[in-house]
PDB file of N, CA and C in Angstrom:
ATOM      1  N   MET A   1    -172.229 203.451  67.684  1.00  0.00           N
ATOM      2  CA  MET A   1    -173.245 203.504  66.730  1.00  0.00           C
ATOM      3  C   MET A   1    -173.616 205.061  66.374  1.00  0.00           C
ATOM      4  N   VAL A   2    -173.785 205.808  67.561  1.00  0.00           N
ATOM      5  CA  VAL A   2    -174.360 207.146  67.384  1.00  0.00           C
ATOM      6  C   VAL A   2    -173.064 207.960  66.800  1.00  0.00           C
ATOM      7  N   ALA A   3    -171.801 207.527  67.071  1.00  0.00           N
ATOM      8  CA  ALA A   3    -170.756 208.498  66.435  1.00  0.00           C
ATOM      9  C   ALA A   3    -170.768 208.184  64.977  1.00  0.00           C
ATOM     10  N   THR A   4    -171.128 206.986  64.501  1.00  0.00           N
ATOM     11  CA  THR A   4    -171.180 206.698  63.033  1.00  0.00           C
ATOM     12  C   THR A   4    -172.378 207.403  62.405  1.00  0.00           C
ATOM     13  N   LEU A   5    -173.463 207.627  63.124  1.00  0.00           N
ATOM     14  CA  LEU A   5    -174.568 208.354  62.530  1.00  0.00           C
ATOM     15  C   LEU A   5    -174.292 209.724  62.577  1.00  0.00           C
ATOM     16  N   ILE A   6    -173.516 210.432  63.335  1.00  0.00           N
ATOM     17  CA  ILE A   6    -173.113 211.703  63.523  1.00  0.00           C
ATOM     18  C   ILE A   6    -172.332 211.938  62.277  1.00  0.00           C
ATOM     19  N   ALA A   7    -171.198 211.131  62.046  1.00  0.00           N
ATOM     20  CA  ALA A   7    -170.395 211.129  60.958  1.00  0.00           C
ATOM     21  C   ALA A   7    -170.899 211.108  59.553  1.00  0.00           C
ATOM     22  N   HIS A   8    -171.952 210.149  59.503  1.00  0.00           N
ATOM     23  CA  HIS A   8    -172.685 210.105  58.212  1.00  0.00           C
ATOM     24  C   HIS A   8    -173.373 211.419  57.902  1.00  0.00           C
ATOM     25  N   LYS A   9    -174.026 212.001  58.923  1.00  0.00           N
ATOM     26  CA  LYS A   9    -174.801 213.238  58.685  1.00  0.00           C
ATOM     27  C   LYS A   9    -173.829 214.430  58.388  1.00  0.00           C
ATOM     28  N   ASP A  10    -172.648 214.356  59.084  1.00  0.00           N
ATOM     29  CA  ASP A  10    -171.631 215.374  58.827  1.00  0.00           C
ATOM     30  C   ASP A  10    -171.085 215.395  57.383  1.00  0.00           C
ATOM     31  N   LEU A  11    -170.737 214.130  57.033  1.00  0.00           N
ATOM     32  CA  LEU A  11    -170.233 213.833  55.795  1.00  0.00           C
ATOM     33  C   LEU A  11    -171.255 214.253  54.590  1.00  0.00           C
ATOM     34  N   THR A  12    -172.559 213.910  54.891  1.00  0.00           N
ATOM     35  CA  THR A  12    -173.638 214.296  53.908  1.00  0.00           C
ATOM     36  C   THR A  12    -173.693 215.713  53.763  1.00  0.00           C
ATOM     37  N   LEU A  13    -173.614 216.576  54.785  1.00  0.00           N
ATOM     38  CA  LEU A  13    -173.852 217.938  54.913  1.00  0.00           C
ATOM     39  C   LEU A  13    -172.585 218.556  54.170  1.00  0.00           C
ATOM     40  N   LEU A  14    -171.441 218.197  54.639  1.00  0.00           N
ATOM     41  CA  LEU A  14    -170.027 218.699  54.132  1.00  0.00           C
ATOM     42  C   LEU A  14    -170.054 218.384  52.440  1.00  0.00           C
ATOM     43  N   GLY A  15    -170.458 217.174  52.292  1.00  0.00           N
ATOM     44  CA  GLY A  15    -170.445 216.602  50.823  1.00  0.00           C
ATOM     45  C   GLY A  15    -171.396 217.584  49.852  1.00  0.00           C
ATOM     46  N   SER A  16    -172.643 217.751  50.430  1.00  0.00           N
ATOM     47  CA  SER A  16    -173.646 218.747  49.832  1.00  0.00           C
ATOM     48  C   SER A  16    -173.061 219.970  49.557  1.00  0.00           C
ATOM     49  N   LEU A  17    -172.644 220.631  50.641  1.00  0.00           N
ATOM     50  CA  LEU A  17    -172.086 222.023  50.417  1.00  0.00           C
ATOM     51  C   LEU A  17    -170.892 222.100  49.663  1.00  0.00           C
ATOM     52  N   GLY A  18    -170.032 221.091  49.678  1.00  0.00           N
ATOM     53  CA  GLY A  18    -168.939 221.057  48.722  1.00  0.00           C
ATOM     54  C   GLY A  18    -169.296 220.966  47.233  1.00  0.00           C
ATOM     55  N   PHE A  19    -170.303 220.240  47.038  1.00  0.00           N
ATOM     56  CA  PHE A  19    -170.924 220.022  45.734  1.00  0.00           C
ATOM     57  C   PHE A  19    -171.575 221.353  45.286  1.00  0.00           C
ATOM     58  N   LEU A  20    -172.251 222.105  46.099  1.00  0.00           N
ATOM     59  CA  LEU A  20    -172.803 223.408  45.780  1.00  0.00           C
ATOM     60  C   LEU A  20    -171.752 224.489  45.600  1.00  0.00           C
ATOM     61  N   VAL A  21    -170.683 224.466  46.296  1.00  0.00           N
ATOM     62  CA  VAL A  21    -169.649 225.348  46.023  1.00  0.00           C
ATOM     63  C   VAL A  21    -168.904 225.032  44.499  1.00  0.00           C
ATOM     64  N   TYR A  22    -168.778 223.707  44.477  1.00  0.00           N
ATOM     65  CA  TYR A  22    -168.110 223.384  43.146  1.00  0.00           C
ATOM     66  C   TYR A  22    -169.000 223.704  41.783  1.00  0.00           C
ATOM     67  N   ASP A  23    -170.296 223.528  41.979  1.00  0.00           N
ATOM     68  CA  ASP A  23    -171.299 223.718  40.942  1.00  0.00           C
ATOM     69  C   ASP A  23    -171.229 225.265  40.710  1.00  0.00           C
ATOM     70  N   LEU A  24    -171.203 226.007  41.808  1.00  0.00           N
ATOM     71  CA  LEU A  24    -171.232 227.562  41.658  1.00  0.00           C
ATOM     72  C   LEU A  24    -170.040 228.169  40.970  1.00  0.00           C
ATOM     73  N   ILE A  25    -169.009 227.464  41.316  1.00  0.00           N
ATOM     74  CA  ILE A  25    -167.611 227.765  40.784  1.00  0.00           C
ATOM     75  C   ILE A  25    -167.674 227.574  39.325  1.00  0.00           C
ATOM     76  N   CYS A  26    -168.059 226.339  38.749  1.00  0.00           N
ATOM     77  CA  CYS A  26    -168.169 225.942  37.565  1.00  0.00           C
ATOM     78  C   CYS A  26    -169.056 226.958  36.657  1.00  0.00           C
ATOM     79  N   LYS A  27    -170.221 227.442  37.241  1.00  0.00           N
ATOM     80  CA  LYS A  27    -171.061 228.414  36.577  1.00  0.00           C
ATOM     81  C   LYS A  27    -170.776 229.763  36.862  1.00  0.00           C
ATOM     82  N   TRP A  28    -169.567 230.204  37.191  1.00  0.00           N
ATOM     83  CA  TRP A  28    -169.196 231.503  37.828  1.00  0.00           C
ATOM     84  C   TRP A  28    -169.370 232.539  36.730  1.00  0.00           C
ATOM     85  N   ASN A  29    -168.904 232.153  35.581  1.00  0.00           N
ATOM     86  CA  ASN A  29    -169.134 233.226  34.425  1.00  0.00           C
ATOM     87  C   ASN A  29    -170.515 233.519  34.137  1.00  0.00           C
ATOM     88  N   ASP A  30    -171.512 232.678  34.234  1.00  0.00           N
ATOM     89  CA  ASP A  30    -172.881 232.878  34.060  1.00  0.00           C
ATOM     90  C   ASP A  30    -173.567 233.997  34.880  1.00  0.00           C
ATOM     91  N   PHE A  31    -172.875 234.302  35.949  1.00  0.00           N
ATOM     92  CA  PHE A  31    -173.234 235.453  36.874  1.00  0.00           C
ATOM     93  C   PHE A  31    -172.633 236.775  36.602  1.00  0.00           C
ATOM     94  N   GLY A  32    -171.951 236.818  35.284  1.00  0.00           N
ATOM     95  CA  GLY A  32    -171.140 238.111  34.888  1.00  0.00           C
ATOM     96  C   GLY A  32    -172.182 239.096  34.634  1.00  0.00           C
ATOM     97  N   SER A  33    -173.366 238.861  34.331  1.00  0.00           N
ATOM     98  CA  SER A  33    -174.435 240.070  33.863  1.00  0.00           C
ATOM     99  C   SER A  33    -175.180 240.342  35.144  1.00  0.00           C
ATOM    100  N   CYS A  34    -175.072 239.705  36.238  1.00  0.00           N
ATOM    101  CA  CYS A  34    -175.845 239.962  37.396  1.00  0.00           C
ATOM    102  C   CYS A  34    -175.356 241.367  38.218  1.00  0.00           C
ATOM    103  N   PRO A  35    -176.408 242.211  38.326  1.00  0.00           N
ATOM    104  CA  PRO A  35    -176.096 243.494  38.887  1.00  0.00           C
ATOM    105  C   PRO A  35    -175.432 243.403  40.256  1.00  0.00           C
ATOM    106  N   LYS A  36    -175.770 242.271  41.102  1.00  0.00           N
ATOM    107  CA  LYS A  36    -175.289 242.302  42.530  1.00  0.00           C
ATOM    108  C   LYS A  36    -174.619 240.885  42.571  1.00  0.00           C
ATOM    109  N   PRO A  37    -173.703 240.850  43.316  1.00  0.00           N
ATOM    110  CA  PRO A  37    -172.620 239.586  43.488  1.00  0.00           C
ATOM    111  C   PRO A  37    -173.271 238.610  44.264  1.00  0.00           C
ATOM    112  N   VAL A  38    -174.298 238.042  43.771  1.00  0.00           N
ATOM    113  CA  VAL A  38    -174.984 236.940  44.474  1.00  0.00           C
ATOM    114  C   VAL A  38    -174.087 235.723  44.538  1.00  0.00           C
ATOM    115  N   HIS A  39    -173.418 235.488  43.548  1.00  0.00           N
ATOM    116  CA  HIS A  39    -172.550 234.313  43.484  1.00  0.00           C
ATOM    117  C   HIS A  39    -171.427 234.349  44.546  1.00  0.00           C
ATOM    118  N   LYS A  40    -170.993 235.453  44.737  1.00  0.00           N
ATOM    119  CA  LYS A  40    -170.027 235.765  45.826  1.00  0.00           C
ATOM    120  C   LYS A  40    -170.583 235.410  47.325  1.00  0.00           C
ATOM    121  N   TRP A  41    -171.821 235.956  47.427  1.00  0.00           N
ATOM    122  CA  TRP A  41    -172.434 235.746  48.679  1.00  0.00           C
ATOM    123  C   TRP A  41    -172.825 234.357  48.846  1.00  0.00           C
ATOM    124  N   LEU A  42    -173.145 233.670  47.945  1.00  0.00           N
ATOM    125  CA  LEU A  42    -173.268 232.165  48.059  1.00  0.00           C
ATOM    126  C   LEU A  42    -172.232 231.456  48.472  1.00  0.00           C
ATOM    127  N   VAL A  43    -171.072 231.751  47.814  1.00  0.00           N
ATOM    128  CA  VAL A  43    -169.758 230.921  48.175  1.00  0.00           C
ATOM    129  C   VAL A  43    -169.410 231.205  49.724  1.00  0.00           C
ATOM    130  N   VAL A  44    -169.423 232.512  49.917  1.00  0.00           N
ATOM    131  CA  VAL A  44    -168.887 232.886  51.277  1.00  0.00           C
ATOM    132  C   VAL A  44    -169.971 232.254  52.324  1.00  0.00           C
ATOM    133  N   SER A  45    -171.243 232.110  52.163  1.00  0.00           N
ATOM    134  CA  SER A  45    -172.219 231.664  52.937  1.00  0.00           C
ATOM    135  C   SER A  45    -171.913 230.014  53.160  1.00  0.00           C
ATOM    136  N   TYR A  46    -171.800 229.338  51.975  1.00  0.00           N
ATOM    137  CA  TYR A  46    -171.459 227.865  52.000  1.00  0.00           C
ATOM    138  C   TYR A  46    -170.170 227.652  52.673  1.00  0.00           C
ATOM    139  N   MET A  47    -169.270 228.414  52.525  1.00  0.00           N
ATOM    140  CA  MET A  47    -167.892 228.298  53.227  1.00  0.00           C
ATOM    141  C   MET A  47    -168.094 228.418  54.628  1.00  0.00           C
ATOM    142  N   MET A  48    -168.896 229.504  55.108  1.00  0.00           N
ATOM    143  CA  MET A  48    -168.984 229.866  56.530  1.00  0.00           C
ATOM    144  C   MET A  48    -169.800 228.621  57.239  1.00  0.00           C
ATOM    145  N   ILE A  49    -170.625 227.936  56.591  1.00  0.00           N
ATOM    146  CA  ILE A  49    -171.456 226.701  57.109  1.00  0.00           C
ATOM    147  C   ILE A  49    -170.437 225.676  57.268  1.00  0.00           C
ATOM    148  N   ILE A  50    -169.491 225.341  56.327  1.00  0.00           N
ATOM    149  CA  ILE A  50    -168.459 224.480  56.318  1.00  0.00           C
ATOM    150  C   ILE A  50    -167.591 224.647  57.488  1.00  0.00           C
ATOM    151  N   VAL A  51    -167.076 225.945  57.660  1.00  0.00           N
ATOM    152  CA  VAL A  51    -166.107 226.073  58.713  1.00  0.00           C
ATOM    153  C   VAL A  51    -166.783 225.875  60.017  1.00  0.00           C
ATOM    154  N   TRP A  52    -167.864 226.445  60.203  1.00  0.00           N
ATOM    155  CA  TRP A  52    -168.767 226.170  61.432  1.00  0.00           C
ATOM    156  C   TRP A  52    -169.059 224.837  61.784  1.00  0.00           C
ATOM    157  N   ARG A  53    -169.293 224.104  60.936  1.00  0.00           N
ATOM    158  CA  ARG A  53    -169.637 222.648  61.219  1.00  0.00           C
ATOM    159  C   ARG A  53    -168.302 221.803  61.391  1.00  0.00           C
ATOM    160  N   ALA A  54    -167.153 222.174  60.768  1.00  0.00           N
ATOM    161  CA  ALA A  54    -166.038 221.576  61.110  1.00  0.00           C
ATOM    162  C   ALA A  54    -165.339 221.987  62.480  1.00  0.00           C
ATOM    163  N   CYS A  55    -165.764 223.202  63.037  1.00  0.00           N
ATOM    164  CA  CYS A  55    -165.344 223.755  64.484  1.00  0.00           C
ATOM    165  C   CYS A  55    -166.141 222.877  65.230  1.00  0.00           C
ATOM    166  N   ILE A  56    -167.516 222.693  65.102  1.00  0.00           N
ATOM    167  CA  ILE A  56    -168.345 221.878  66.056  1.00  0.00           C
ATOM    168  C   ILE A  56    -167.844 220.490  65.963  1.00  0.00           C
ATOM    169  N   MET A  57    -167.586 219.862  64.905  1.00  0.00           N
ATOM    170  CA  MET A  57    -166.965 218.432  64.792  1.00  0.00           C
ATOM    171  C   MET A  57    -165.693 218.294  65.639  1.00  0.00           C
ATOM    172  N   ALA A  58    -164.766 219.341  65.469  1.00  0.00           N
ATOM    173  CA  ALA A  58    -163.512 219.260  66.376  1.00  0.00           C
ATOM    174  C   ALA A  58    -163.838 219.537  67.824  1.00  0.00           C
ATOM    175  N   ALA A  59    -164.654 220.335  68.204  1.00  0.00           N
ATOM    176  CA  ALA A  59    -165.038 220.591  69.569  1.00  0.00           C
ATOM    177  C   ALA A  59    -165.737 219.411  70.244  1.00  0.00           C
ATOM    178  N   SER A  60    -166.475 218.637  69.494  1.00  0.00           N
ATOM    179  CA  SER A  60    -167.207 217.342  70.007  1.00  0.00           C
ATOM    180  C   SER A  60    -166.273 216.299  70.165  1.00  0.00           C
ATOM    181  N   LEU A  61    -165.206 216.194  69.310  1.00  0.00           N
ATOM    182  CA  LEU A  61    -164.080 215.248  69.377  1.00  0.00           C
ATOM    183  C   LEU A  61    -163.364 215.304  70.775  1.00  0.00           C
ATOM    184  N   CYS A  62    -163.112 216.745  71.064  1.00  0.00           N
ATOM    185  CA  CYS A  62    -162.263 217.063  72.274  1.00  0.00           C
ATOM    186  C   CYS A  62    -163.123 217.034  73.518  1.00  0.00           C
ATOM    187  N   SER A  63    -164.527 217.162  73.361  1.00  0.00           N
ATOM    188  CA  SER A  63    -165.376 217.189  74.531  1.00  0.00           C
ATOM    189  C   SER A  63    -165.895 215.953  74.958  1.00  0.00           C
ATOM    190  N   SER A  64    -166.294 215.946  76.258  1.00  0.00           N
ATOM    191  CA  SER A  64    -166.909 214.676  76.751  1.00  0.00           C
ATOM    192  C   SER A  64    -168.407 214.610  76.680  1.00  0.00           C
ATOM    193  N   THR A  65    -169.020 215.770  76.166  1.00  0.00           N
ATOM    194  CA  THR A  65    -170.525 215.846  75.966  1.00  0.00           C
ATOM    195  C   THR A  65    -171.096 215.576  74.586  1.00  0.00           C
ATOM    196  N   ARG A  66    -172.275 215.752  74.526  1.00  0.00           N
ATOM    197  CA  ARG A  66    -172.772 215.362  73.007  1.00  0.00           C
ATOM    198  C   ARG A  66    -172.647 216.580  72.350  1.00  0.00           C
ATOM    199  N   THR A  67    -172.716 216.195  70.866  1.00  0.00           N
ATOM    200  CA  THR A  67    -172.447 217.267  69.811  1.00  0.00           C
ATOM    201  C   THR A  67    -173.500 218.389  69.923  1.00  0.00           C
ATOM    202  N   ALA A  68    -174.590 218.025  70.264  1.00  0.00           N
ATOM    203  CA  ALA A  68    -175.732 219.123  70.248  1.00  0.00           C
ATOM    204  C   ALA A  68    -175.401 220.221  71.342  1.00  0.00           C
ATOM    205  N   SER A  69    -174.951 219.862  72.546  1.00  0.00           N
ATOM    206  CA  SER A  69    -174.600 220.685  73.454  1.00  0.00           C
ATOM    207  C   SER A  69    -173.279 221.317  73.339  1.00  0.00           C
ATOM    208  N   VAL A  70    -172.343 220.927  72.595  1.00  0.00           N
ATOM    209  CA  VAL A  70    -171.285 221.516  72.156  1.00  0.00           C
ATOM    210  C   VAL A  70    -171.608 222.679  71.234  1.00  0.00           C
ATOM    211  N   MET A  71    -172.533 222.492  70.313  1.00  0.00           N
ATOM    212  CA  MET A  71    -172.850 223.486  69.406  1.00  0.00           C
ATOM    213  C   MET A  71    -173.278 224.832  69.919  1.00  0.00           C
ATOM    214  N   PHE A  72    -173.965 224.677  71.170  1.00  0.00           N
ATOM    215  CA  PHE A  72    -174.478 225.834  71.809  1.00  0.00           C
ATOM    216  C   PHE A  72    -173.598 226.475  72.974  1.00  0.00           C
ATOM    217  N   ASN A  73    -172.699 225.687  73.453  1.00  0.00           N
ATOM    218  CA  ASN A  73    -171.919 226.001  74.558  1.00  0.00           C
ATOM    219  C   ASN A  73    -170.463 225.596  74.439  1.00  0.00           C
ATOM    220  N   LEU A  74    -169.616 226.350  73.894  1.00  0.00           N
ATOM    221  CA  LEU A  74    -168.218 225.843  73.570  1.00  0.00           C
ATOM    222  C   LEU A  74    -167.327 225.798  74.786  1.00  0.00           C
ATOM    223  N   ARG A  75    -167.857 226.419  75.779  1.00  0.00           N
ATOM    224  CA  ARG A  75    -167.124 226.567  77.189  1.00  0.00           C
ATOM    225  C   ARG A  75    -167.290 225.367  78.117  1.00  0.00           C
ATOM    226  N   HIS A  76    -167.089 224.308  78.011  1.00  0.00           N
ATOM    227  CA  HIS A  76    -167.386 223.290  78.927  1.00  0.00           C
ATOM    228  C   HIS A  76    -166.374 223.083  79.972  1.00  0.00           C
ATOM    229  N   LYS A  77    -166.695 222.691  81.296  1.00  0.00           N
ATOM    230  CA  LYS A  77    -165.811 222.658  82.286  1.00  0.00           C
ATOM    231  C   LYS A  77    -164.829 221.393  82.085  1.00  0.00           C
ATOM    232  N   ASN A  78    -165.390 220.467  81.590  1.00  0.00           N
ATOM    233  CA  ASN A  78    -164.434 219.219  81.318  1.00  0.00           C
ATOM    234  C   ASN A  78    -164.233 218.806  79.849  1.00  0.00           C
ATOM    235  N   SER A  79    -163.754 219.910  79.172  1.00  0.00           N
ATOM    236  CA  SER A  79    -163.713 219.740  77.783  1.00  0.00           C
ATOM    237  C   SER A  79    -162.307 218.913  77.340  1.00  0.00           C
ATOM    238  N   LEU A  80    -161.437 218.821  78.242  1.00  0.00           N
ATOM    239  CA  LEU A  80    -160.359 217.859  77.972  1.00  0.00           C
ATOM    240  C   LEU A  80    -160.286 216.616  78.802  1.00  0.00           C
ATOM    241  N   PRO A  81    -160.053 215.410  78.212  1.00  0.00           N
ATOM    242  CA  PRO A  81    -160.233 214.280  78.961  1.00  0.00           C
ATOM    243  C   PRO A  81    -159.139 214.203  80.144  1.00  0.00           C
TER     244      PRO A  81
END
């Protein structure tokens, strides 16, 4: 049950960030008159969050500890089963 709750949270986060990236790309030309590349910073920030969360999900699948502790310490002694 806990694994499905984590999966729902992860899917919600990744889906939300994916939609934000999609929406930003669809409105990319509207940022043409912007003096600073805010749209580029937003896409890079969203993508970094997606990559970080994907790494946490992969580490928690390979680890025997909880996801919260994997997020802060990626070097567990018993990371492989």
